[in-house]
Amino acid sequence: MSLSAATRDGILFVKFNDARLLEESQLAEVERDVISHLEKSTEERIVLNFAKVQFMSSSMLGKLVKIHKKCQEFKVKLKLCGITPEIQQVFKITKLDKLFDIAADEEAARKAFLKKGIFG
């Protein structure tokens, strides 16, 4: 699995570099790698960028839920971005669009994280 990670503006950005996230062994590696980045990072915000992903198995949705729970455990805020309209539809059908904060792209996710609220 090829993931790339970088930190900018106090946010950990993780990009999926494969167009297809399908095989169980690959998905287990994705989960392991993302959680490893979470454990090593001191950042309190993470963006998972799916811009290169064209196909994703339903098992990947389960891995994302586990990653979401791990983020909650570490008190890290999670955003997803770069999700194709077809995959976005799957998130809507499974109602995972209610669980995950999904931005259009990495820049939109970054800006949303950096935006100061009325109390912040």
PDB file of N, CA and C in Angstrom:
ATOM      1  N   MET A   1       0.852  -1.193   0.000  1.00  0.00           N
ATOM      2  CA  MET A   1       0.000   0.000   0.000  1.00  0.00           C
ATOM      3  C   MET A   1       0.872   1.221   0.000  1.00  0.00           C
ATOM      4  N   SER A   2       0.537   2.114  -0.833  1.00  0.00           N
ATOM      5  CA  SER A   2       1.319   3.339  -0.843  1.00  0.00           C
ATOM      6  C   SER A   2       0.487   4.485  -0.270  1.00  0.00           C
ATOM      7  N   LEU A   3       0.903   4.881   0.896  1.00  0.00           N
ATOM      8  CA  LEU A   3       0.336   6.052   1.562  1.00  0.00           C
ATOM      9  C   LEU A   3       1.441   7.086   1.618  1.00  0.00           C
ATOM     10  N   SER A   4       1.070   8.330   1.583  1.00  0.00           N
ATOM     11  CA  SER A   4       2.046   9.365   1.862  1.00  0.00           C
ATOM     12  C   SER A   4       1.446  10.274   2.925  1.00  0.00           C
ATOM     13  N   ALA A   5       2.302  10.739   3.803  1.00  0.00           N
ATOM     14  CA  ALA A   5       1.834  11.583   4.901  1.00  0.00           C
ATOM     15  C   ALA A   5       2.730  12.800   5.025  1.00  0.00           C
ATOM     16  N   ALA A   6       2.118  13.912   5.367  1.00  0.00           N
ATOM     17  CA  ALA A   6       2.846  15.157   5.580  1.00  0.00           C
ATOM     18  C   ALA A   6       2.076  15.998   6.587  1.00  0.00           C
ATOM     19  N   THR A   7       2.785  16.854   7.264  1.00  0.00           N
ATOM     20  CA  THR A   7       2.158  17.750   8.229  1.00  0.00           C
ATOM     21  C   THR A   7       2.289  19.178   7.725  1.00  0.00           C
ATOM     22  N   ARG A   8       1.177  19.907   7.810  1.00  0.00           N
ATOM     23  CA  ARG A   8       1.168  21.313   7.403  1.00  0.00           C
ATOM     24  C   ARG A   8       0.116  22.038   8.231  1.00  0.00           C
ATOM     25  N   ASP A   9       0.467  23.188   8.754  1.00  0.00           N
ATOM     26  CA  ASP A   9      -0.460  24.014   9.550  1.00  0.00           C
ATOM     27  C   ASP A   9      -1.029  23.247  10.743  1.00  0.00           C
ATOM     28  N   GLY A  10      -0.237  22.353  11.319  1.00  0.00           N
ATOM     29  CA  GLY A  10      -0.696  21.597  12.480  1.00  0.00           C
ATOM     30  C   GLY A  10      -1.705  20.511  12.141  1.00  0.00           C
ATOM     31  N   ILE A  11      -1.737  20.107  10.863  1.00  0.00           N
ATOM     32  CA  ILE A  11      -2.677  19.080  10.402  1.00  0.00           C
ATOM     33  C   ILE A  11      -1.872  17.961   9.754  1.00  0.00           C
ATOM     34  N   LEU A  12      -2.210  16.721  10.083  1.00  0.00           N
ATOM     35  CA  LEU A  12      -1.599  15.561   9.433  1.00  0.00           C
ATOM     36  C   LEU A  12      -2.425  15.226   8.196  1.00  0.00           C
ATOM     37  N   PHE A  13      -1.778  15.256   7.035  1.00  0.00           N
ATOM     38  CA  PHE A  13      -2.435  14.909   5.773  1.00  0.00           C
ATOM     39  C   PHE A  13      -1.946  13.536   5.339  1.00  0.00           C
ATOM     40  N   VAL A  14      -2.881  12.611   5.131  1.00  0.00           N
ATOM     41  CA  VAL A  14      -2.543  11.270   4.654  1.00  0.00           C
ATOM     42  C   VAL A  14      -3.237  11.066   3.313  1.00  0.00           C
ATOM     43  N   LYS A  15      -2.426  10.760   2.281  1.00  0.00           N
ATOM     44  CA  LYS A  15      -2.966  10.543   0.931  1.00  0.00           C
ATOM     45  C   LYS A  15      -2.883   9.064   0.585  1.00  0.00           C
ATOM     46  N   PHE A  16      -3.968   8.577  -0.003  1.00  0.00           N
ATOM     47  CA  PHE A  16      -3.981   7.215  -0.537  1.00  0.00           C
ATOM     48  C   PHE A  16      -3.506   7.323  -1.980  1.00  0.00           C
ATOM     49  N   ASN A  17      -2.460   6.585  -2.328  1.00  0.00           N
ATOM     50  CA  ASN A  17      -1.871   6.701  -3.659  1.00  0.00           C
ATOM     51  C   ASN A  17      -2.329   5.614  -4.627  1.00  0.00           C
ATOM     52  N   ASP A  18      -3.147   4.666  -4.159  1.00  0.00           N
ATOM     53  CA  ASP A  18      -3.658   3.604  -5.027  1.00  0.00           C
ATOM     54  C   ASP A  18      -5.033   3.987  -5.560  1.00  0.00           C
ATOM     55  N   ALA A  19      -5.295   3.618  -6.801  1.00  0.00           N
ATOM     56  CA  ALA A  19      -6.597   3.905  -7.407  1.00  0.00           C
ATOM     57  C   ALA A  19      -7.675   2.939  -6.927  1.00  0.00           C
ATOM     58  N   ARG A  20      -7.246   1.759  -6.430  1.00  0.00           N
ATOM     59  CA  ARG A  20      -8.212   0.739  -6.016  1.00  0.00           C
ATOM     60  C   ARG A  20      -7.875   0.258  -4.605  1.00  0.00           C
ATOM     61  N   LEU A  21      -8.866   0.297  -3.735  1.00  0.00           N
ATOM     62  CA  LEU A  21      -8.721  -0.219  -2.373  1.00  0.00           C
ATOM     63  C   LEU A  21      -9.701  -1.384  -2.237  1.00  0.00           C
ATOM     64  N   LEU A  22      -9.216  -2.578  -2.581  1.00  0.00           N
ATOM     65  CA  LEU A  22     -10.133  -3.713  -2.705  1.00  0.00           C
ATOM     66  C   LEU A  22      -9.746  -4.939  -1.877  1.00  0.00           C
ATOM     67  N   GLU A  23      -8.493  -5.357  -1.931  1.00  0.00           N
ATOM     68  CA  GLU A  23      -8.095  -6.619  -1.316  1.00  0.00           C
ATOM     69  C   GLU A  23      -8.008  -6.499   0.199  1.00  0.00           C
ATOM     70  N   GLU A  24      -8.432  -7.552   0.879  1.00  0.00           N
ATOM     71  CA  GLU A  24      -8.465  -7.547   2.344  1.00  0.00           C
ATOM     72  C   GLU A  24      -7.090  -7.292   2.953  1.00  0.00           C
ATOM     73  N   SER A  25      -6.044  -7.911   2.401  1.00  0.00           N
ATOM     74  CA  SER A  25      -4.692  -7.700   2.933  1.00  0.00           C
ATOM     75  C   SER A  25      -4.264  -6.241   2.754  1.00  0.00           C
ATOM     76  N   GLN A  26      -4.639  -5.657   1.631  1.00  0.00           N
ATOM     77  CA  GLN A  26      -4.333  -4.259   1.354  1.00  0.00           C
ATOM     78  C   GLN A  26      -5.073  -3.348   2.342  1.00  0.00           C
ATOM     79  N   LEU A  27      -6.332  -3.671   2.614  1.00  0.00           N
ATOM     80  CA  LEU A  27      -7.139  -2.850   3.513  1.00  0.00           C
ATOM     81  C   LEU A  27      -6.616  -2.923   4.946  1.00  0.00           C
ATOM     82  N   ALA A  28      -6.173  -4.113   5.357  1.00  0.00           N
ATOM     83  CA  ALA A  28      -5.591  -4.269   6.695  1.00  0.00           C
ATOM     84  C   ALA A  28      -4.329  -3.415   6.809  1.00  0.00           C
ATOM     85  N   GLU A  29      -3.548  -3.385   5.737  1.00  0.00           N
ATOM     86  CA  GLU A  29      -2.328  -2.572   5.717  1.00  0.00           C
ATOM     87  C   GLU A  29      -2.666  -1.084   5.780  1.00  0.00           C
ATOM     88  N   VAL A  30      -3.705  -0.671   5.068  1.00  0.00           N
ATOM     89  CA  VAL A  30      -4.158   0.723   5.098  1.00  0.00           C
ATOM     90  C   VAL A  30      -4.509   1.111   6.526  1.00  0.00           C
ATOM     91  N   GLU A  31      -5.330   0.286   7.172  1.00  0.00           N
ATOM     92  CA  GLU A  31      -5.741   0.571   8.542  1.00  0.00           C
ATOM     93  C   GLU A  31      -4.517   0.681   9.454  1.00  0.00           C
ATOM     94  N   ARG A  32      -3.619  -0.293   9.350  1.00  0.00           N
ATOM     95  CA  ARG A  32      -2.399  -0.301  10.168  1.00  0.00           C
ATOM     96  C   ARG A  32      -1.565   0.961   9.941  1.00  0.00           C
ATOM     97  N   ASP A  33      -1.364   1.307   8.672  1.00  0.00           N
ATOM     98  CA  ASP A  33      -0.533   2.463   8.339  1.00  0.00           C
ATOM     99  C   ASP A  33      -1.139   3.773   8.831  1.00  0.00           C
ATOM    100  N   VAL A  34      -2.439   3.945   8.650  1.00  0.00           N
ATOM    101  CA  VAL A  34      -3.087   5.187   9.096  1.00  0.00           C
ATOM    102  C   VAL A  34      -3.004   5.289  10.617  1.00  0.00           C
ATOM    103  N   ILE A  35      -3.293   4.200  11.310  1.00  0.00           N
ATOM    104  CA  ILE A  35      -3.226   4.220  12.774  1.00  0.00           C
ATOM    105  C   ILE A  35      -1.791   4.454  13.245  1.00  0.00           C
ATOM    106  N   SER A  36      -0.823   3.893  12.537  1.00  0.00           N
ATOM    107  CA  SER A  36       0.586   4.120  12.863  1.00  0.00           C
ATOM    108  C   SER A  36       0.932   5.606  12.745  1.00  0.00           C
ATOM    109  N   HIS A  37       0.458   6.250  11.678  1.00  0.00           N
ATOM    110  CA  HIS A  37       0.688   7.692  11.514  1.00  0.00           C
ATOM    111  C   HIS A  37       0.030   8.469  12.652  1.00  0.00           C
ATOM    112  N   LEU A  38      -1.169   8.051  13.054  1.00  0.00           N
ATOM    113  CA  LEU A  38      -1.870   8.698  14.161  1.00  0.00           C
ATOM    114  C   LEU A  38      -1.066   8.584  15.452  1.00  0.00           C
ATOM    115  N   GLU A  39      -0.555   7.396  15.712  1.00  0.00           N
ATOM    116  CA  GLU A  39       0.182   7.146  16.948  1.00  0.00           C
ATOM    117  C   GLU A  39       1.488   7.934  17.005  1.00  0.00           C
ATOM    118  N   LYS A  40       2.134   8.124  15.853  1.00  0.00           N
ATOM    119  CA  LYS A  40       3.412   8.838  15.799  1.00  0.00           C
ATOM    120  C   LYS A  40       3.242  10.354  15.797  1.00  0.00           C
ATOM    121  N   SER A  41       2.102  10.822  15.392  1.00  0.00           N
ATOM    122  CA  SER A  41       1.873  12.251  15.212  1.00  0.00           C
ATOM    123  C   SER A  41       1.436  12.916  16.520  1.00  0.00           C
ATOM    124  N   THR A  42       1.796  14.184  16.645  1.00  0.00           N
ATOM    125  CA  THR A  42       1.309  14.978  17.774  1.00  0.00           C
ATOM    126  C   THR A  42       0.175  15.903  17.334  1.00  0.00           C
ATOM    127  N   GLU A  43      -0.183  15.823  16.063  1.00  0.00           N
ATOM    128  CA  GLU A  43      -1.240  16.688  15.523  1.00  0.00           C
ATOM    129  C   GLU A  43      -2.597  16.251  16.058  1.00  0.00           C
ATOM    130  N   GLU A  44      -3.477  17.208  16.231  1.00  0.00           N
ATOM    131  CA  GLU A  44      -4.818  16.923  16.740  1.00  0.00           C
ATOM    132  C   GLU A  44      -5.859  16.920  15.634  1.00  0.00           C
ATOM    133  N   ARG A  45      -5.391  17.029  14.387  1.00  0.00           N
ATOM    134  CA  ARG A  45      -6.295  17.026  13.228  1.00  0.00           C
ATOM    135  C   ARG A  45      -5.655  16.186  12.134  1.00  0.00           C
ATOM    136  N   ILE A  46      -6.502  15.427  11.440  1.00  0.00           N
ATOM    137  CA  ILE A  46      -6.007  14.586  10.343  1.00  0.00           C
ATOM    138  C   ILE A  46      -6.980  14.673   9.172  1.00  0.00           C
ATOM    139  N   VAL A  47      -6.415  14.699   7.977  1.00  0.00           N
ATOM    140  CA  VAL A  47      -7.193  14.682   6.741  1.00  0.00           C
ATOM    141  C   VAL A  47      -6.774  13.449   5.951  1.00  0.00           C
ATOM    142  N   LEU A  48      -7.744  12.609   5.607  1.00  0.00           N
ATOM    143  CA  LEU A  48      -7.496  11.458   4.741  1.00  0.00           C
ATOM    144  C   LEU A  48      -7.938  11.849   3.332  1.00  0.00           C
ATOM    145  N   ASN A  49      -6.985  11.857   2.401  1.00  0.00           N
ATOM    146  CA  ASN A  49      -7.236  12.321   1.046  1.00  0.00           C
ATOM    147  C   ASN A  49      -7.402  11.125   0.101  1.00  0.00           C
ATOM    148  N   PHE A  50      -8.603  11.005  -0.477  1.00  0.00           N
ATOM    149  CA  PHE A  50      -8.950   9.909  -1.380  1.00  0.00           C
ATOM    150  C   PHE A  50      -8.949  10.338  -2.845  1.00  0.00           C
ATOM    151  N   ALA A  51      -8.280  11.437  -3.180  1.00  0.00           N
ATOM    152  CA  ALA A  51      -8.348  11.991  -4.542  1.00  0.00           C
ATOM    153  C   ALA A  51      -7.945  10.990  -5.624  1.00  0.00           C
ATOM    154  N   LYS A  52      -7.003  10.112  -5.348  1.00  0.00           N
ATOM    155  CA  LYS A  52      -6.546   9.148  -6.363  1.00  0.00           C
ATOM    156  C   LYS A  52      -7.365   7.861  -6.367  1.00  0.00           C
ATOM    157  N   VAL A  53      -8.226   7.676  -5.379  1.00  0.00           N
ATOM    158  CA  VAL A  53      -8.986   6.429  -5.241  1.00  0.00           C
ATOM    159  C   VAL A  53     -10.219   6.462  -6.147  1.00  0.00           C
ATOM    160  N   GLN A  54     -10.302   5.469  -7.044  1.00  0.00           N
ATOM    161  CA  GLN A  54     -11.441   5.364  -7.958  1.00  0.00           C
ATOM    162  C   GLN A  54     -12.433   4.277  -7.514  1.00  0.00           C
ATOM    163  N   PHE A  55     -11.912   3.219  -6.890  1.00  0.00           N
ATOM    164  CA  PHE A  55     -12.745   2.105  -6.429  1.00  0.00           C
ATOM    165  C   PHE A  55     -12.371   1.765  -4.998  1.00  0.00           C
ATOM    166  N   MET A  56     -13.386   1.479  -4.188  1.00  0.00           N
ATOM    167  CA  MET A  56     -13.161   1.139  -2.793  1.00  0.00           C
ATOM    168  C   MET A  56     -14.165   0.054  -2.403  1.00  0.00           C
ATOM    169  N   SER A  57     -13.690  -1.027  -1.797  1.00  0.00           N
ATOM    170  CA  SER A  57     -14.601  -2.101  -1.390  1.00  0.00           C
ATOM    171  C   SER A  57     -15.385  -1.672  -0.157  1.00  0.00           C
ATOM    172  N   SER A  58     -16.484  -2.362   0.089  1.00  0.00           N
ATOM    173  CA  SER A  58     -17.283  -2.050   1.272  1.00  0.00           C
ATOM    174  C   SER A  58     -16.510  -2.338   2.552  1.00  0.00           C
ATOM    175  N   SER A  59     -15.544  -3.249   2.503  1.00  0.00           N
ATOM    176  CA  SER A  59     -14.710  -3.528   3.671  1.00  0.00           C
ATOM    177  C   SER A  59     -13.910  -2.300   4.082  1.00  0.00           C
ATOM    178  N   MET A  60     -13.569  -1.463   3.112  1.00  0.00           N
ATOM    179  CA  MET A  60     -12.822  -0.245   3.427  1.00  0.00           C
ATOM    180  C   MET A  60     -13.661   0.683   4.292  1.00  0.00           C
ATOM    181  N   LEU A  61     -14.969   0.662   4.115  1.00  0.00           N
ATOM    182  CA  LEU A  61     -15.842   1.484   4.956  1.00  0.00           C
ATOM    183  C   LEU A  61     -15.710   1.064   6.420  1.00  0.00           C
ATOM    184  N   GLY A  62     -15.645  -0.237   6.649  1.00  0.00           N
ATOM    185  CA  GLY A  62     -15.444  -0.748   8.006  1.00  0.00           C
ATOM    186  C   GLY A  62     -14.111  -0.301   8.580  1.00  0.00           C
ATOM    187  N   LYS A  63     -13.068  -0.305   7.752  1.00  0.00           N
ATOM    188  CA  LYS A  63     -11.748   0.155   8.199  1.00  0.00           C
ATOM    189  C   LYS A  63     -11.798   1.639   8.559  1.00  0.00           C
ATOM    190  N   LEU A  64     -12.547   2.411   7.779  1.00  0.00           N
ATOM    191  CA  LEU A  64     -12.674   3.839   8.075  1.00  0.00           C
ATOM    192  C   LEU A  64     -13.397   4.081   9.392  1.00  0.00           C
ATOM    193  N   VAL A  65     -14.395   3.265   9.675  1.00  0.00           N
ATOM    194  CA  VAL A  65     -15.097   3.388  10.956  1.00  0.00           C
ATOM    195  C   VAL A  65     -14.129   3.094  12.109  1.00  0.00           C
ATOM    196  N   LYS A  66     -13.287   2.062  11.948  1.00  0.00           N
ATOM    197  CA  LYS A  66     -12.282   1.753  12.978  1.00  0.00           C
ATOM    198  C   LYS A  66     -11.295   2.902  13.148  1.00  0.00           C
ATOM    199  N   ILE A  67     -10.871   3.491  12.034  1.00  0.00           N
ATOM    200  CA  ILE A  67      -9.953   4.633  12.086  1.00  0.00           C
ATOM    201  C   ILE A  67     -10.627   5.805  12.792  1.00  0.00           C
ATOM    202  N   HIS A  68     -11.907   6.014  12.499  1.00  0.00           N
ATOM    203  CA  HIS A  68     -12.679   7.081  13.149  1.00  0.00           C
ATOM    204  C   HIS A  68     -12.703   6.867  14.663  1.00  0.00           C
ATOM    205  N   LYS A  69     -12.938   5.628  15.089  1.00  0.00           N
ATOM    206  CA  LYS A  69     -12.964   5.324  16.530  1.00  0.00           C
ATOM    207  C   LYS A  69     -11.602   5.567  17.166  1.00  0.00           C
ATOM    208  N   LYS A  70     -10.540   5.211  16.454  1.00  0.00           N
ATOM    209  CA  LYS A  70      -9.183   5.428  16.955  1.00  0.00           C
ATOM    210  C   LYS A  70      -8.907   6.926  17.083  1.00  0.00           C
ATOM    211  N   CYS A  71      -9.391   7.706  16.130  1.00  0.00           N
ATOM    212  CA  CYS A  71      -9.237   9.164  16.208  1.00  0.00           C
ATOM    213  C   CYS A  71      -9.947   9.710  17.446  1.00  0.00           C
ATOM    214  N   GLN A  72     -11.132   9.208  17.717  1.00  0.00           N
ATOM    215  CA  GLN A  72     -11.861   9.637  18.909  1.00  0.00           C
ATOM    216  C   GLN A  72     -11.087   9.276  20.171  1.00  0.00           C
ATOM    217  N   GLU A  73     -10.512   8.086  20.181  1.00  0.00           N
ATOM    218  CA  GLU A  73      -9.709   7.618  21.308  1.00  0.00           C
ATOM    219  C   GLU A  73      -8.537   8.571  21.566  1.00  0.00           C
ATOM    220  N   PHE A  74      -7.882   9.011  20.490  1.00  0.00           N
ATOM    221  CA  PHE A  74      -6.734   9.908  20.590  1.00  0.00           C
ATOM    222  C   PHE A  74      -7.144  11.385  20.650  1.00  0.00           C
ATOM    223  N   LYS A  75      -8.461  11.651  20.632  1.00  0.00           N
ATOM    224  CA  LYS A  75      -8.988  13.016  20.610  1.00  0.00           C
ATOM    225  C   LYS A  75      -8.441  13.818  19.411  1.00  0.00           C
ATOM    226  N   VAL A  76      -8.460  13.153  18.262  1.00  0.00           N
ATOM    227  CA  VAL A  76      -8.008  13.749  17.003  1.00  0.00           C
ATOM    228  C   VAL A  76      -9.233  13.970  16.125  1.00  0.00           C
ATOM    229  N   LYS A  77      -9.321  15.154  15.536  1.00  0.00           N
ATOM    230  CA  LYS A  77     -10.436  15.459  14.631  1.00  0.00           C
ATOM    231  C   LYS A  77     -10.089  14.944  13.240  1.00  0.00           C
ATOM    232  N   LEU A  78     -11.042  14.270  12.604  1.00  0.00           N
ATOM    233  CA  LEU A  78     -10.839  13.618  11.316  1.00  0.00           C
ATOM    234  C   LEU A  78     -11.717  14.241  10.243  1.00  0.00           C
ATOM    235  N   LYS A  79     -11.116  14.479   9.084  1.00  0.00           N
ATOM    236  CA  LYS A  79     -11.867  14.881   7.891  1.00  0.00           C
ATOM    237  C   LYS A  79     -11.423  13.987   6.738  1.00  0.00           C
ATOM    238  N   LEU A  80     -12.351  13.694   5.841  1.00  0.00           N
ATOM    239  CA  LEU A  80     -12.054  12.977   4.608  1.00  0.00           C
ATOM    240  C   LEU A  80     -12.183  13.978   3.471  1.00  0.00           C
ATOM    241  N   CYS A  81     -11.426  13.755   2.399  1.00  0.00           N
ATOM    242  CA  CYS A  81     -11.568  14.648   1.245  1.00  0.00           C
ATOM    243  C   CYS A  81     -11.229  13.911  -0.043  1.00  0.00           C
ATOM    244  N   GLY A  82     -11.578  14.537  -1.159  1.00  0.00           N
ATOM    245  CA  GLY A  82     -11.243  14.004  -2.470  1.00  0.00           C
ATOM    246  C   GLY A  82     -12.003  12.744  -2.845  1.00  0.00           C
ATOM    247  N   ILE A  83     -13.191  12.593  -2.321  1.00  0.00           N
ATOM    248  CA  ILE A  83     -13.973  11.379  -2.578  1.00  0.00           C
ATOM    249  C   ILE A  83     -14.778  11.559  -3.873  1.00  0.00           C
ATOM    250  N   THR A  84     -14.673  10.569  -4.766  1.00  0.00           N
ATOM    251  CA  THR A  84     -15.393  10.650  -6.046  1.00  0.00           C
ATOM    252  C   THR A  84     -16.904  10.646  -5.808  1.00  0.00           C
ATOM    253  N   PRO A  85     -17.676  11.184  -6.747  1.00  0.00           N
ATOM    254  CA  PRO A  85     -19.138  11.183  -6.600  1.00  0.00           C
ATOM    255  C   PRO A  85     -19.717   9.774  -6.405  1.00  0.00           C
ATOM    256  N   GLU A  86     -19.128   8.766  -7.076  1.00  0.00           N
ATOM    257  CA  GLU A  86     -19.631   7.389  -6.951  1.00  0.00           C
ATOM    258  C   GLU A  86     -19.415   6.857  -5.527  1.00  0.00           C
ATOM    259  N   ILE A  87     -18.225   7.093  -4.994  1.00  0.00           N
ATOM    260  CA  ILE A  87     -17.940   6.636  -3.625  1.00  0.00           C
ATOM    261  C   ILE A  87     -18.737   7.473  -2.626  1.00  0.00           C
ATOM    262  N   GLN A  88     -18.901   8.747  -2.914  1.00  0.00           N
ATOM    263  CA  GLN A  88     -19.708   9.628  -2.057  1.00  0.00           C
ATOM    264  C   GLN A  88     -21.137   9.086  -1.944  1.00  0.00           C
ATOM    265  N   GLN A  89     -21.651   8.555  -3.042  1.00  0.00           N
ATOM    266  CA  GLN A  89     -22.996   7.978  -3.046  1.00  0.00           C
ATOM    267  C   GLN A  89     -23.085   6.792  -2.080  1.00  0.00           C
ATOM    268  N   VAL A  90     -22.047   5.984  -2.029  1.00  0.00           N
ATOM    269  CA  VAL A  90     -22.008   4.842  -1.099  1.00  0.00           C
ATOM    270  C   VAL A  90     -22.033   5.355   0.343  1.00  0.00           C
ATOM    271  N   PHE A  91     -21.312   6.427   0.612  1.00  0.00           N
ATOM    272  CA  PHE A  91     -21.337   7.018   1.956  1.00  0.00           C
ATOM    273  C   PHE A  91     -22.751   7.472   2.307  1.00  0.00           C
ATOM    274  N   LYS A  92     -23.466   8.036   1.335  1.00  0.00           N
ATOM    275  CA  LYS A  92     -24.841   8.491   1.578  1.00  0.00           C
ATOM    276  C   LYS A  92     -25.772   7.312   1.826  1.00  0.00           C
ATOM    277  N   ILE A  93     -25.667   6.278   0.996  1.00  0.00           N
ATOM    278  CA  ILE A  93     -26.536   5.100   1.129  1.00  0.00           C
ATOM    279  C   ILE A  93     -26.352   4.435   2.489  1.00  0.00           C
ATOM    280  N   THR A  94     -25.098   4.352   2.942  1.00  0.00           N
ATOM    281  CA  THR A  94     -24.800   3.703   4.227  1.00  0.00           C
ATOM    282  C   THR A  94     -24.918   4.663   5.406  1.00  0.00           C
ATOM    283  N   LYS A  95     -25.262   5.911   5.116  1.00  0.00           N
ATOM    284  CA  LYS A  95     -25.401   6.974   6.109  1.00  0.00           C
ATOM    285  C   LYS A  95     -24.081   7.311   6.804  1.00  0.00           C
ATOM    286  N   LEU A  96     -22.964   6.896   6.217  1.00  0.00           N
ATOM    287  CA  LEU A  96     -21.658   7.237   6.777  1.00  0.00           C
ATOM    288  C   LEU A  96     -21.296   8.694   6.508  1.00  0.00           C
ATOM    289  N   ASP A  97     -22.042   9.333   5.604  1.00  0.00           N
ATOM    290  CA  ASP A  97     -21.815  10.761   5.379  1.00  0.00           C
ATOM    291  C   ASP A  97     -22.208  11.573   6.613  1.00  0.00           C
ATOM    292  N   LYS A  98     -23.007  10.960   7.510  1.00  0.00           N
ATOM    293  CA  LYS A  98     -23.388  11.610   8.772  1.00  0.00           C
ATOM    294  C   LYS A  98     -22.284  11.444   9.819  1.00  0.00           C
ATOM    295  N   LEU A  99     -21.537  10.353   9.733  1.00  0.00           N
ATOM    296  CA  LEU A  99     -20.465  10.064  10.686  1.00  0.00           C
ATOM    297  C   LEU A  99     -19.202  10.848  10.343  1.00  0.00           C
ATOM    298  N   PHE A 100     -18.872  10.894   9.054  1.00  0.00           N
ATOM    299  CA  PHE A 100     -17.626  11.504   8.625  1.00  0.00           C
ATOM    300  C   PHE A 100     -17.841  12.932   8.144  1.00  0.00           C
ATOM    301  N   ASP A 101     -16.874  13.769   8.456  1.00  0.00           N
ATOM    302  CA  ASP A 101     -16.845  15.134   7.947  1.00  0.00           C
ATOM    303  C   ASP A 101     -16.091  15.074   6.621  1.00  0.00           C
ATOM    304  N   ILE A 102     -16.790  15.326   5.524  1.00  0.00           N
ATOM    305  CA  ILE A 102     -16.215  15.161   4.190  1.00  0.00           C
ATOM    306  C   ILE A 102     -16.097  16.521   3.505  1.00  0.00           C
ATOM    307  N   ALA A 103     -14.873  16.835   3.080  1.00  0.00           N
ATOM    308  CA  ALA A 103     -14.603  18.083   2.358  1.00  0.00           C
ATOM    309  C   ALA A 103     -14.353  17.761   0.893  1.00  0.00           C
ATOM    310  N   ALA A 104     -14.498  18.757   0.046  1.00  0.00           N
ATOM    311  CA  ALA A 104     -14.316  18.563  -1.396  1.00  0.00           C
ATOM    312  C   ALA A 104     -12.880  18.165  -1.727  1.00  0.00           C
ATOM    313  N   ASP A 105     -11.923  18.875  -1.140  1.00  0.00           N
ATOM    314  CA  ASP A 105     -10.518  18.599  -1.431  1.00  0.00           C
ATOM    315  C   ASP A 105      -9.669  18.946  -0.204  1.00  0.00           C
ATOM    316  N   GLU A 106      -8.371  18.724  -0.336  1.00  0.00           N
ATOM    317  CA  GLU A 106      -7.453  18.931   0.785  1.00  0.00           C
ATOM    318  C   GLU A 106      -7.459  20.384   1.259  1.00  0.00           C
ATOM    319  N   GLU A 107      -7.500  21.303   0.330  1.00  0.00           N
ATOM    320  CA  GLU A 107      -7.483  22.730   0.692  1.00  0.00           C
ATOM    321  C   GLU A 107      -8.750  23.118   1.447  1.00  0.00           C
ATOM    322  N   ALA A 108      -9.900  22.608   1.013  1.00  0.00           N
ATOM    323  CA  ALA A 108     -11.159  22.892   1.706  1.00  0.00           C
ATOM    324  C   ALA A 108     -11.129  22.314   3.126  1.00  0.00           C
ATOM    325  N   ALA A 109     -10.577  21.116   3.272  1.00  0.00           N
ATOM    326  CA  ALA A 109     -10.462  20.494   4.600  1.00  0.00           C
ATOM    327  C   ALA A 109      -9.527  21.315   5.480  1.00  0.00           C
ATOM    328  N   ARG A 110      -8.404  21.756   4.917  1.00  0.00           N
ATOM    329  CA  ARG A 110      -7.438  22.565   5.669  1.00  0.00           C
ATOM    330  C   ARG A 110      -8.079  23.866   6.142  1.00  0.00           C
ATOM    331  N   LYS A 111      -8.769  24.538   5.234  1.00  0.00           N
ATOM    332  CA  LYS A 111      -9.421  25.803   5.585  1.00  0.00           C
ATOM    333  C   LYS A 111     -10.485  25.602   6.654  1.00  0.00           C
ATOM    334  N   ALA A 112     -11.246  24.516   6.564  1.00  0.00           N
ATOM    335  CA  ALA A 112     -12.280  24.232   7.568  1.00  0.00           C
ATOM    336  C   ALA A 112     -11.650  24.016   8.940  1.00  0.00           C
ATOM    337  N   PHE A 113     -10.524  23.345   8.989  1.00  0.00           N
ATOM    338  CA  PHE A 113      -9.830  23.132  10.256  1.00  0.00           C
ATOM    339  C   PHE A 113      -9.272  24.436  10.817  1.00  0.00           C
ATOM    340  N   LEU A 114      -8.805  25.325   9.944  1.00  0.00           N
ATOM    341  CA  LEU A 114      -8.151  26.546  10.390  1.00  0.00           C
ATOM    342  C   LEU A 114      -9.138  27.673  10.695  1.00  0.00           C
ATOM    343  N   LYS A 115     -10.381  27.508  10.253  1.00  0.00           N
ATOM    344  CA  LYS A 115     -11.400  28.532  10.460  1.00  0.00           C
ATOM    345  C   LYS A 115     -11.689  28.690  11.945  1.00  0.00           C
ATOM    346  N   LYS A 116     -11.666  29.903  12.407  1.00  0.00           N
ATOM    347  CA  LYS A 116     -11.962  30.188  13.810  1.00  0.00           C
ATOM    348  C   LYS A 116     -13.468  30.387  13.960  1.00  0.00           C
ATOM    349  N   GLY A 117     -14.010  29.750  14.966  1.00  0.00           N
ATOM    350  CA  GLY A 117     -15.435  29.910  15.256  1.00  0.00           C
ATOM    351  C   GLY A 117     -15.667  31.116  16.139  1.00  0.00           C
ATOM    352  N   ILE A 118     -16.881  31.335  16.507  1.00  0.00           N
ATOM    353  CA  ILE A 118     -17.256  32.476  17.322  1.00  0.00           C
ATOM    354  C   ILE A 118     -16.577  32.442  18.704  1.00  0.00           C
ATOM    355  N   PHE A 119     -16.302  31.202  19.180  1.00  0.00           N
ATOM    356  CA  PHE A 119     -15.675  31.041  20.488  1.00  0.00           C
ATOM    357  C   PHE A 119     -14.208  30.627  20.375  1.00  0.00           C
ATOM    358  N   GLY A 120     -13.694  30.486  19.149  1.00  0.00           N
ATOM    359  CA  GLY A 120     -12.360  29.965  19.002  1.00  0.00           C
ATOM    360  C   GLY A 120     -11.411  30.868  18.374  1.00  0.00           C
TER     361      GLY A 120
END
